[in-house]
């Protein structure tokens, strides 16, 4: 058995066959049962590859992407076993997507001159209210005011 617990089958990097020691197998099984979800997924990939399953079979069983599996098998092989699966020390933790601060509402700008003319054309053409507010950076009350002016001018 090779020193780092792997062997190349047929000389292809994507066909890495993993040979686990008893200690490594116990550690990976423990991670799969009790570890953090990230480590459990990595351990699952290595254990299934060590059983001789192909990447396609693992994908069908687990739903993991091929690239994800390649990445962790390569790391396992290159970094000498289980050490390659652990998060790097000092690596930033990536929590879920950060919450966005609430969007600031557009500051109402005075409706004068060409801006008012463009807004009136949009209202006359029947442009949706949300689009008018976004494009002209106006509030709904300003659109209502321009509508009243338009109807007052027409009628």
N, C-alpha and C. Protein backbone atom coordinates (compact mmCIF):
# COMPACT_ATOMS: atom_id res chain seq x y z
N UNK A 1 0.85 -1.18 0.00
CA UNK A 1 0.00 0.00 0.00
C UNK A 1 0.89 1.24 0.00
N UNK A 2 0.57 2.26 -0.81
CA UNK A 2 1.38 3.46 -0.88
C UNK A 2 1.41 4.21 0.46
N UNK A 3 2.40 5.07 0.59
CA UNK A 3 2.64 5.77 1.86
C UNK A 3 1.48 6.68 2.27
N UNK A 4 0.87 7.35 1.32
CA UNK A 4 -0.16 8.33 1.67
C UNK A 4 -1.57 7.78 1.56
N UNK A 5 -1.75 6.50 1.47
CA UNK A 5 -3.08 5.92 1.47
C UNK A 5 -3.81 6.04 0.14
N UNK A 6 -3.10 6.07 -0.98
CA UNK A 6 -3.77 6.12 -2.27
C UNK A 6 -2.93 5.39 -3.30
N UNK A 7 -3.57 5.08 -4.39
CA UNK A 7 -2.83 4.52 -5.52
C UNK A 7 -3.50 5.01 -6.79
N UNK A 8 -2.73 5.15 -7.85
CA UNK A 8 -3.29 5.56 -9.12
C UNK A 8 -3.74 4.32 -9.87
N UNK A 9 -4.98 4.29 -10.26
CA UNK A 9 -5.49 3.18 -11.04
C UNK A 9 -5.46 3.60 -12.51
N UNK A 10 -4.80 2.87 -13.35
CA UNK A 10 -4.71 3.12 -14.79
C UNK A 10 -4.04 4.45 -15.12
N UNK A 11 -3.38 5.09 -14.15
CA UNK A 11 -2.66 6.31 -14.42
C UNK A 11 -3.51 7.55 -14.59
N UNK A 12 -4.81 7.48 -14.38
CA UNK A 12 -5.68 8.64 -14.55
C UNK A 12 -5.96 9.27 -13.20
N UNK A 13 -5.78 10.58 -13.12
CA UNK A 13 -5.99 11.28 -11.85
C UNK A 13 -7.45 11.17 -11.39
N UNK A 14 -8.39 11.15 -12.33
CA UNK A 14 -9.79 11.08 -11.93
C UNK A 14 -10.19 9.67 -11.49
N UNK A 15 -9.28 8.73 -11.62
CA UNK A 15 -9.57 7.37 -11.18
C UNK A 15 -8.76 7.01 -9.95
N UNK A 16 -8.54 7.99 -9.09
CA UNK A 16 -7.80 7.72 -7.87
C UNK A 16 -8.56 6.69 -7.04
N UNK A 17 -7.89 5.66 -6.65
CA UNK A 17 -8.47 4.66 -5.78
C UNK A 17 -7.91 4.91 -4.39
N UNK A 18 -8.76 5.01 -3.41
CA UNK A 18 -8.33 5.36 -2.06
C UNK A 18 -8.27 4.10 -1.21
N UNK A 19 -7.14 3.92 -0.53
CA UNK A 19 -6.95 2.82 0.41
C UNK A 19 -6.90 3.42 1.81
N UNK A 20 -7.85 3.06 2.65
CA UNK A 20 -7.91 3.63 4.00
C UNK A 20 -7.29 2.67 5.00
N UNK A 21 -6.61 3.24 6.00
CA UNK A 21 -6.18 2.44 7.14
C UNK A 21 -7.39 2.28 8.05
N UNK A 22 -7.30 1.38 9.01
CA UNK A 22 -8.42 1.16 9.95
C UNK A 22 -8.71 2.43 10.75
N UNK A 23 -7.64 3.13 11.17
CA UNK A 23 -7.83 4.37 11.95
C UNK A 23 -8.52 5.44 11.11
N UNK A 24 -8.09 5.58 9.86
CA UNK A 24 -8.72 6.58 8.98
C UNK A 24 -10.18 6.25 8.76
N UNK A 25 -10.47 4.97 8.55
CA UNK A 25 -11.86 4.58 8.31
C UNK A 25 -12.71 4.89 9.54
N UNK A 26 -12.20 4.59 10.73
CA UNK A 26 -12.96 4.88 11.96
C UNK A 26 -13.19 6.38 12.11
N UNK A 27 -12.16 7.17 11.85
CA UNK A 27 -12.29 8.62 11.98
C UNK A 27 -13.32 9.16 11.00
N UNK A 28 -13.25 8.71 9.76
CA UNK A 28 -14.20 9.20 8.74
C UNK A 28 -15.62 8.77 9.07
N UNK A 29 -15.79 7.57 9.56
CA UNK A 29 -17.14 7.11 9.94
C UNK A 29 -17.67 7.93 11.12
N UNK A 30 -16.78 8.26 12.06
CA UNK A 30 -17.19 9.10 13.20
C UNK A 30 -17.60 10.48 12.71
N UNK A 31 -16.82 11.06 11.79
CA UNK A 31 -17.17 12.36 11.23
C UNK A 31 -18.53 12.30 10.55
N UNK A 32 -18.76 11.22 9.85
CA UNK A 32 -20.02 11.09 9.10
C UNK A 32 -21.20 11.04 10.06
N UNK A 33 -21.01 10.38 11.22
CA UNK A 33 -22.12 10.27 12.19
C UNK A 33 -22.26 11.50 13.06
N UNK A 34 -21.13 12.03 13.56
CA UNK A 34 -21.19 13.04 14.61
C UNK A 34 -20.58 14.38 14.24
N UNK A 35 -19.87 14.45 13.16
CA UNK A 35 -19.11 15.66 12.83
C UNK A 35 -19.99 16.78 12.31
N UNK A 36 -19.34 17.90 12.07
CA UNK A 36 -20.01 19.03 11.44
C UNK A 36 -20.49 18.59 10.06
N UNK A 37 -21.59 19.15 9.58
CA UNK A 37 -22.13 18.73 8.28
C UNK A 37 -21.12 18.80 7.14
N UNK A 38 -20.25 19.80 7.16
CA UNK A 38 -19.26 19.95 6.09
C UNK A 38 -18.29 18.76 6.12
N UNK A 39 -17.79 18.43 7.31
CA UNK A 39 -16.87 17.31 7.44
C UNK A 39 -17.56 15.99 7.13
N UNK A 40 -18.83 15.88 7.50
CA UNK A 40 -19.58 14.64 7.24
C UNK A 40 -19.70 14.39 5.74
N UNK A 41 -19.94 15.44 4.97
CA UNK A 41 -20.04 15.27 3.51
C UNK A 41 -18.69 14.87 2.91
N UNK A 42 -17.62 15.51 3.38
CA UNK A 42 -16.30 15.17 2.87
C UNK A 42 -15.94 13.73 3.20
N UNK A 43 -16.25 13.32 4.44
CA UNK A 43 -15.97 11.95 4.87
C UNK A 43 -16.76 10.96 4.04
N UNK A 44 -18.01 11.31 3.74
CA UNK A 44 -18.86 10.41 2.95
C UNK A 44 -18.26 10.18 1.57
N UNK A 45 -17.76 11.23 0.94
CA UNK A 45 -17.14 11.09 -0.38
C UNK A 45 -15.96 10.13 -0.31
N UNK A 46 -15.09 10.33 0.66
CA UNK A 46 -13.88 9.50 0.77
C UNK A 46 -14.26 8.05 1.07
N UNK A 47 -15.20 7.84 1.97
CA UNK A 47 -15.60 6.47 2.31
C UNK A 47 -16.21 5.75 1.10
N UNK A 48 -17.05 6.43 0.35
CA UNK A 48 -17.67 5.79 -0.81
C UNK A 48 -16.65 5.51 -1.91
N UNK A 49 -15.69 6.44 -2.11
CA UNK A 49 -14.63 6.19 -3.09
C UNK A 49 -13.76 5.02 -2.65
N UNK A 50 -13.51 4.90 -1.35
CA UNK A 50 -12.69 3.80 -0.84
C UNK A 50 -13.40 2.45 -1.04
N UNK A 51 -14.73 2.48 -1.08
CA UNK A 51 -15.50 1.25 -1.34
C UNK A 51 -15.46 0.88 -2.81
N UNK A 52 -14.93 1.78 -3.65
CA UNK A 52 -14.80 1.49 -5.07
C UNK A 52 -15.93 2.04 -5.93
N UNK A 53 -16.81 2.85 -5.36
CA UNK A 53 -17.90 3.43 -6.14
C UNK A 53 -17.35 4.48 -7.09
N UNK A 54 -17.98 4.61 -8.24
CA UNK A 54 -17.59 5.64 -9.20
C UNK A 54 -18.20 6.97 -8.77
N UNK A 55 -17.68 8.05 -9.38
CA UNK A 55 -18.23 9.37 -9.07
C UNK A 55 -19.71 9.45 -9.45
N UNK A 56 -20.08 8.84 -10.56
CA UNK A 56 -21.47 8.86 -11.00
C UNK A 56 -22.38 8.15 -9.99
N UNK A 57 -21.91 7.02 -9.46
CA UNK A 57 -22.71 6.30 -8.47
C UNK A 57 -22.86 7.11 -7.18
N UNK A 58 -21.77 7.76 -6.78
CA UNK A 58 -21.83 8.59 -5.57
C UNK A 58 -22.79 9.75 -5.79
N UNK A 59 -22.74 10.35 -6.99
CA UNK A 59 -23.64 11.47 -7.29
C UNK A 59 -25.10 11.03 -7.21
N UNK A 60 -25.39 9.84 -7.77
CA UNK A 60 -26.77 9.34 -7.71
C UNK A 60 -27.21 9.10 -6.26
N UNK A 61 -26.32 8.61 -5.43
CA UNK A 61 -26.67 8.32 -4.04
C UNK A 61 -26.81 9.57 -3.18
N UNK A 62 -25.91 10.53 -3.39
CA UNK A 62 -25.82 11.66 -2.47
C UNK A 62 -26.29 12.99 -3.02
N UNK A 63 -26.29 13.13 -4.35
CA UNK A 63 -26.66 14.42 -4.94
C UNK A 63 -25.52 15.42 -4.99
N UNK A 64 -24.31 14.99 -4.59
CA UNK A 64 -23.16 15.90 -4.63
C UNK A 64 -22.69 16.07 -6.08
N UNK A 65 -22.09 17.22 -6.35
CA UNK A 65 -21.60 17.46 -7.70
C UNK A 65 -20.26 16.75 -7.91
N UNK A 66 -19.96 16.47 -9.16
CA UNK A 66 -18.70 15.81 -9.50
C UNK A 66 -17.52 16.68 -9.07
N UNK A 67 -17.60 17.98 -9.34
CA UNK A 67 -16.51 18.88 -8.98
C UNK A 67 -16.23 18.87 -7.47
N UNK A 68 -17.30 18.83 -6.67
CA UNK A 68 -17.14 18.77 -5.22
C UNK A 68 -16.39 17.50 -4.82
N UNK A 69 -16.77 16.39 -5.42
CA UNK A 69 -16.13 15.12 -5.09
C UNK A 69 -14.67 15.11 -5.53
N UNK A 70 -14.39 15.56 -6.77
CA UNK A 70 -13.01 15.62 -7.26
C UNK A 70 -12.15 16.44 -6.30
N UNK A 71 -12.68 17.58 -5.90
CA UNK A 71 -11.91 18.49 -5.04
C UNK A 71 -11.46 17.80 -3.77
N UNK A 72 -12.37 17.09 -3.09
CA UNK A 72 -12.02 16.52 -1.79
C UNK A 72 -11.22 15.23 -1.93
N UNK A 73 -11.42 14.49 -2.99
CA UNK A 73 -10.58 13.30 -3.20
C UNK A 73 -9.15 13.75 -3.50
N UNK A 74 -9.01 14.76 -4.37
CA UNK A 74 -7.66 15.29 -4.67
C UNK A 74 -6.98 15.81 -3.41
N UNK A 75 -7.72 16.56 -2.59
CA UNK A 75 -7.12 17.09 -1.37
C UNK A 75 -6.71 15.97 -0.43
N UNK A 76 -7.55 14.96 -0.34
CA UNK A 76 -7.23 13.83 0.52
C UNK A 76 -5.92 13.19 0.07
N UNK A 77 -5.79 13.02 -1.23
CA UNK A 77 -4.60 12.37 -1.79
C UNK A 77 -3.37 13.28 -1.67
N UNK A 78 -3.49 14.51 -2.07
CA UNK A 78 -2.33 15.41 -2.12
C UNK A 78 -1.82 15.81 -0.75
N UNK A 79 -2.72 15.98 0.20
CA UNK A 79 -2.30 16.49 1.51
C UNK A 79 -2.12 15.37 2.53
N UNK A 80 -2.06 14.16 2.08
CA UNK A 80 -1.69 13.06 2.96
C UNK A 80 -2.78 12.57 3.88
N UNK A 81 -3.96 12.43 3.38
CA UNK A 81 -5.02 11.79 4.17
C UNK A 81 -5.99 12.77 4.79
N UNK A 82 -6.38 12.44 6.02
CA UNK A 82 -7.45 13.17 6.70
C UNK A 82 -7.09 14.65 6.90
N UNK A 83 -5.81 14.95 7.04
CA UNK A 83 -5.41 16.37 7.20
C UNK A 83 -5.94 17.22 6.05
N UNK A 84 -6.01 16.66 4.87
CA UNK A 84 -6.48 17.43 3.72
C UNK A 84 -7.97 17.73 3.74
N UNK A 85 -8.72 17.04 4.58
CA UNK A 85 -10.17 17.25 4.63
C UNK A 85 -10.57 18.31 5.66
N UNK A 86 -9.68 18.56 6.62
CA UNK A 86 -10.01 19.52 7.67
C UNK A 86 -9.91 20.94 7.13
N UNK A 87 -10.72 21.85 7.68
CA UNK A 87 -10.59 23.25 7.28
C UNK A 87 -9.22 23.77 7.69
N UNK A 88 -8.63 24.62 6.86
CA UNK A 88 -7.31 25.18 7.16
C UNK A 88 -7.41 26.08 8.39
N UNK A 89 -6.35 26.07 9.20
CA UNK A 89 -6.35 26.94 10.37
C UNK A 89 -6.36 28.39 9.92
N UNK A 90 -7.16 29.16 10.58
CA UNK A 90 -7.24 30.57 10.25
C UNK A 90 -8.06 30.86 9.01
N UNK A 91 -8.62 29.81 8.42
CA UNK A 91 -9.45 30.02 7.24
C UNK A 91 -10.74 30.71 7.68
N UNK A 92 -11.18 31.69 6.94
CA UNK A 92 -12.40 32.38 7.34
C UNK A 92 -13.59 31.45 7.22
N UNK A 93 -14.43 31.47 8.21
CA UNK A 93 -15.65 30.68 8.15
C UNK A 93 -16.62 31.43 7.28
N UNK A 94 -17.31 30.69 6.45
CA UNK A 94 -18.26 31.34 5.55
C UNK A 94 -19.66 30.99 5.99
N UNK A 95 -20.26 31.86 6.81
CA UNK A 95 -21.63 31.58 7.23
C UNK A 95 -22.56 31.71 6.04
N UNK A 96 -23.82 31.46 6.28
CA UNK A 96 -24.80 31.61 5.21
C UNK A 96 -24.75 33.00 4.63
N UNK A 97 -25.52 33.19 3.62
CA UNK A 97 -25.51 34.47 2.93
C UNK A 97 -25.81 35.61 3.91
N UNK A 98 -24.98 36.65 3.92
CA UNK A 98 -25.21 37.74 4.88
C UNK A 98 -26.51 38.46 4.57
N UNK A 99 -27.13 38.93 5.62
CA UNK A 99 -28.37 39.67 5.45
C UNK A 99 -28.05 41.02 4.83
N UNK A 100 -28.87 41.41 3.89
CA UNK A 100 -28.69 42.71 3.27
C UNK A 100 -29.31 43.77 4.16
N UNK A 101 -28.66 44.92 4.25
CA UNK A 101 -29.32 46.00 4.98
C UNK A 101 -30.54 46.44 4.19
N UNK A 102 -31.56 46.93 4.86
CA UNK A 102 -32.75 47.35 4.12
C UNK A 102 -32.39 48.43 3.11
N UNK A 103 -32.99 48.33 1.94
CA UNK A 103 -32.70 49.31 0.89
C UNK A 103 -33.28 50.66 1.27
N UNK A 104 -32.47 51.66 1.07
CA UNK A 104 -32.94 53.01 1.35
C UNK A 104 -33.94 53.40 0.26
N UNK A 105 -35.00 54.02 0.68
CA UNK A 105 -35.99 54.48 -0.31
C UNK A 105 -35.40 55.66 -1.07
N UNK A 106 -35.76 55.76 -2.33
CA UNK A 106 -35.22 56.89 -3.10
C UNK A 106 -35.67 58.21 -2.50
N UNK A 107 -34.74 59.13 -2.42
CA UNK A 107 -35.07 60.44 -1.89
C UNK A 107 -35.88 61.19 -2.94
N UNK A 108 -37.06 61.66 -2.57
CA UNK A 108 -37.88 62.35 -3.57
C UNK A 108 -37.17 63.60 -4.09
N UNK A 109 -37.12 63.70 -5.40
CA UNK A 109 -36.52 64.87 -6.03
C UNK A 109 -37.67 65.71 -6.58
N UNK A 110 -37.48 67.01 -6.61
CA UNK A 110 -38.57 67.86 -7.10
C UNK A 110 -38.89 67.55 -8.56
N UNK A 111 -40.18 67.55 -8.85
CA UNK A 111 -40.63 67.28 -10.21
C UNK A 111 -40.78 68.60 -10.95
N UNK A 112 -39.77 68.91 -11.74
CA UNK A 112 -39.80 70.16 -12.52
C UNK A 112 -39.24 69.89 -13.90
N UNK A 113 -39.58 70.73 -14.83
CA UNK A 113 -39.00 70.73 -16.16
C UNK A 113 -39.14 69.43 -16.93
N UNK A 114 -38.03 69.00 -17.54
CA UNK A 114 -38.06 67.82 -18.41
C UNK A 114 -38.37 66.55 -17.62
N UNK A 115 -37.97 66.54 -16.34
CA UNK A 115 -38.25 65.36 -15.52
C UNK A 115 -39.77 65.17 -15.38
N UNK A 116 -40.47 66.25 -15.15
CA UNK A 116 -41.93 66.19 -15.03
C UNK A 116 -42.55 65.80 -16.36
N UNK A 117 -42.02 66.31 -17.45
CA UNK A 117 -42.56 65.99 -18.77
C UNK A 117 -42.39 64.50 -19.07
N UNK A 118 -41.19 63.94 -18.75
CA UNK A 118 -40.96 62.51 -18.97
C UNK A 118 -41.87 61.66 -18.12
N UNK A 119 -42.08 62.07 -16.88
CA UNK A 119 -42.97 61.35 -15.98
C UNK A 119 -44.40 61.37 -16.50
N UNK A 120 -44.81 62.49 -16.98
CA UNK A 120 -46.18 62.60 -17.53
C UNK A 120 -46.35 61.70 -18.75
N UNK A 121 -45.32 61.65 -19.63
CA UNK A 121 -45.40 60.77 -20.80
C UNK A 121 -45.53 59.31 -20.36
N UNK A 122 -44.76 58.91 -19.34
CA UNK A 122 -44.80 57.53 -18.85
C UNK A 122 -46.19 57.20 -18.29
N UNK A 123 -46.78 58.16 -17.58
CA UNK A 123 -48.12 57.94 -17.02
C UNK A 123 -49.14 57.84 -18.15
N UNK A 124 -49.03 58.72 -19.14
CA UNK A 124 -49.98 58.73 -20.25
C UNK A 124 -49.89 57.44 -21.06
N UNK A 125 -48.69 56.85 -21.20
CA UNK A 125 -48.52 55.61 -21.96
C UNK A 125 -48.97 54.39 -21.18
N UNK A 126 -49.25 54.56 -19.86
CA UNK A 126 -49.71 53.43 -19.06
C UNK A 126 -48.59 52.59 -18.48
N UNK A 127 -47.42 53.17 -18.31
CA UNK A 127 -46.29 52.46 -17.72
C UNK A 127 -46.66 52.04 -16.28
N UNK A 128 -46.30 50.82 -15.87
CA UNK A 128 -46.65 50.38 -14.52
C UNK A 128 -46.05 51.29 -13.44
N UNK A 129 -46.78 51.43 -12.36
CA UNK A 129 -46.41 52.33 -11.28
C UNK A 129 -45.03 52.00 -10.70
N UNK A 130 -44.75 50.71 -10.49
CA UNK A 130 -43.46 50.32 -9.91
C UNK A 130 -42.30 50.71 -10.83
N UNK A 131 -42.51 50.57 -12.15
CA UNK A 131 -41.47 50.95 -13.10
C UNK A 131 -41.25 52.45 -13.11
N UNK A 132 -42.34 53.20 -13.04
CA UNK A 132 -42.23 54.66 -13.01
C UNK A 132 -41.43 55.09 -11.79
N UNK A 133 -41.75 54.51 -10.62
CA UNK A 133 -41.03 54.88 -9.39
C UNK A 133 -39.55 54.56 -9.50
N UNK A 134 -39.22 53.40 -10.08
CA UNK A 134 -37.83 52.99 -10.19
C UNK A 134 -37.07 53.83 -11.21
N UNK A 135 -37.62 54.02 -12.38
CA UNK A 135 -36.93 54.72 -13.46
C UNK A 135 -36.75 56.20 -13.13
N UNK A 136 -37.80 56.83 -12.64
CA UNK A 136 -37.74 58.27 -12.39
C UNK A 136 -37.34 58.62 -10.96
N UNK A 137 -37.09 57.61 -10.14
CA UNK A 137 -36.71 57.77 -8.74
C UNK A 137 -37.66 58.73 -8.03
N UNK A 138 -38.91 58.33 -8.08
CA UNK A 138 -39.95 59.12 -7.41
C UNK A 138 -40.75 58.21 -6.51
N UNK A 139 -41.51 58.83 -5.60
CA UNK A 139 -42.36 58.06 -4.70
C UNK A 139 -43.76 57.95 -5.30
N UNK A 140 -44.51 57.05 -4.75
CA UNK A 140 -45.89 56.87 -5.24
C UNK A 140 -46.73 58.15 -5.09
N UNK A 141 -46.60 58.86 -3.95
CA UNK A 141 -47.36 60.11 -3.86
C UNK A 141 -47.00 61.12 -4.96
N UNK A 142 -45.73 61.15 -5.36
CA UNK A 142 -45.33 62.06 -6.43
C UNK A 142 -45.97 61.65 -7.75
N UNK A 143 -46.06 60.33 -7.99
CA UNK A 143 -46.70 59.86 -9.21
C UNK A 143 -48.18 60.22 -9.19
N UNK A 144 -48.80 60.03 -8.03
CA UNK A 144 -50.22 60.39 -7.91
C UNK A 144 -50.42 61.88 -8.16
N UNK A 145 -49.50 62.70 -7.64
CA UNK A 145 -49.59 64.15 -7.86
C UNK A 145 -49.46 64.47 -9.35
N UNK A 146 -48.51 63.83 -10.04
CA UNK A 146 -48.32 64.08 -11.47
C UNK A 146 -49.54 63.61 -12.24
N UNK A 147 -50.15 62.50 -11.81
CA UNK A 147 -51.37 62.02 -12.48
C UNK A 147 -52.50 63.04 -12.36
N UNK A 148 -52.64 63.56 -11.14
CA UNK A 148 -53.69 64.57 -10.93
C UNK A 148 -53.45 65.80 -11.81
N UNK A 149 -52.18 66.22 -11.88
CA UNK A 149 -51.84 67.37 -12.74
C UNK A 149 -52.15 67.06 -14.20
N UNK A 150 -51.81 65.85 -14.62
CA UNK A 150 -52.05 65.45 -16.01
C UNK A 150 -53.53 65.44 -16.31
N UNK A 151 -54.33 64.86 -15.42
CA UNK A 151 -55.78 64.84 -15.62
C UNK A 151 -56.37 66.24 -15.56
N UNK A 152 -55.78 67.07 -14.69
CA UNK A 152 -56.26 68.45 -14.60
C UNK A 152 -55.95 69.23 -15.87
N UNK A 153 -54.77 68.95 -16.49
CA UNK A 153 -54.38 69.62 -17.70
C UNK A 153 -55.24 69.18 -18.87
N UNK A 154 -55.57 67.86 -18.91
CA UNK A 154 -56.33 67.30 -20.02
C UNK A 154 -57.78 67.69 -19.91
N UNK A 155 -58.33 67.59 -18.70
CA UNK A 155 -59.77 67.79 -18.51
C UNK A 155 -60.12 69.16 -18.38
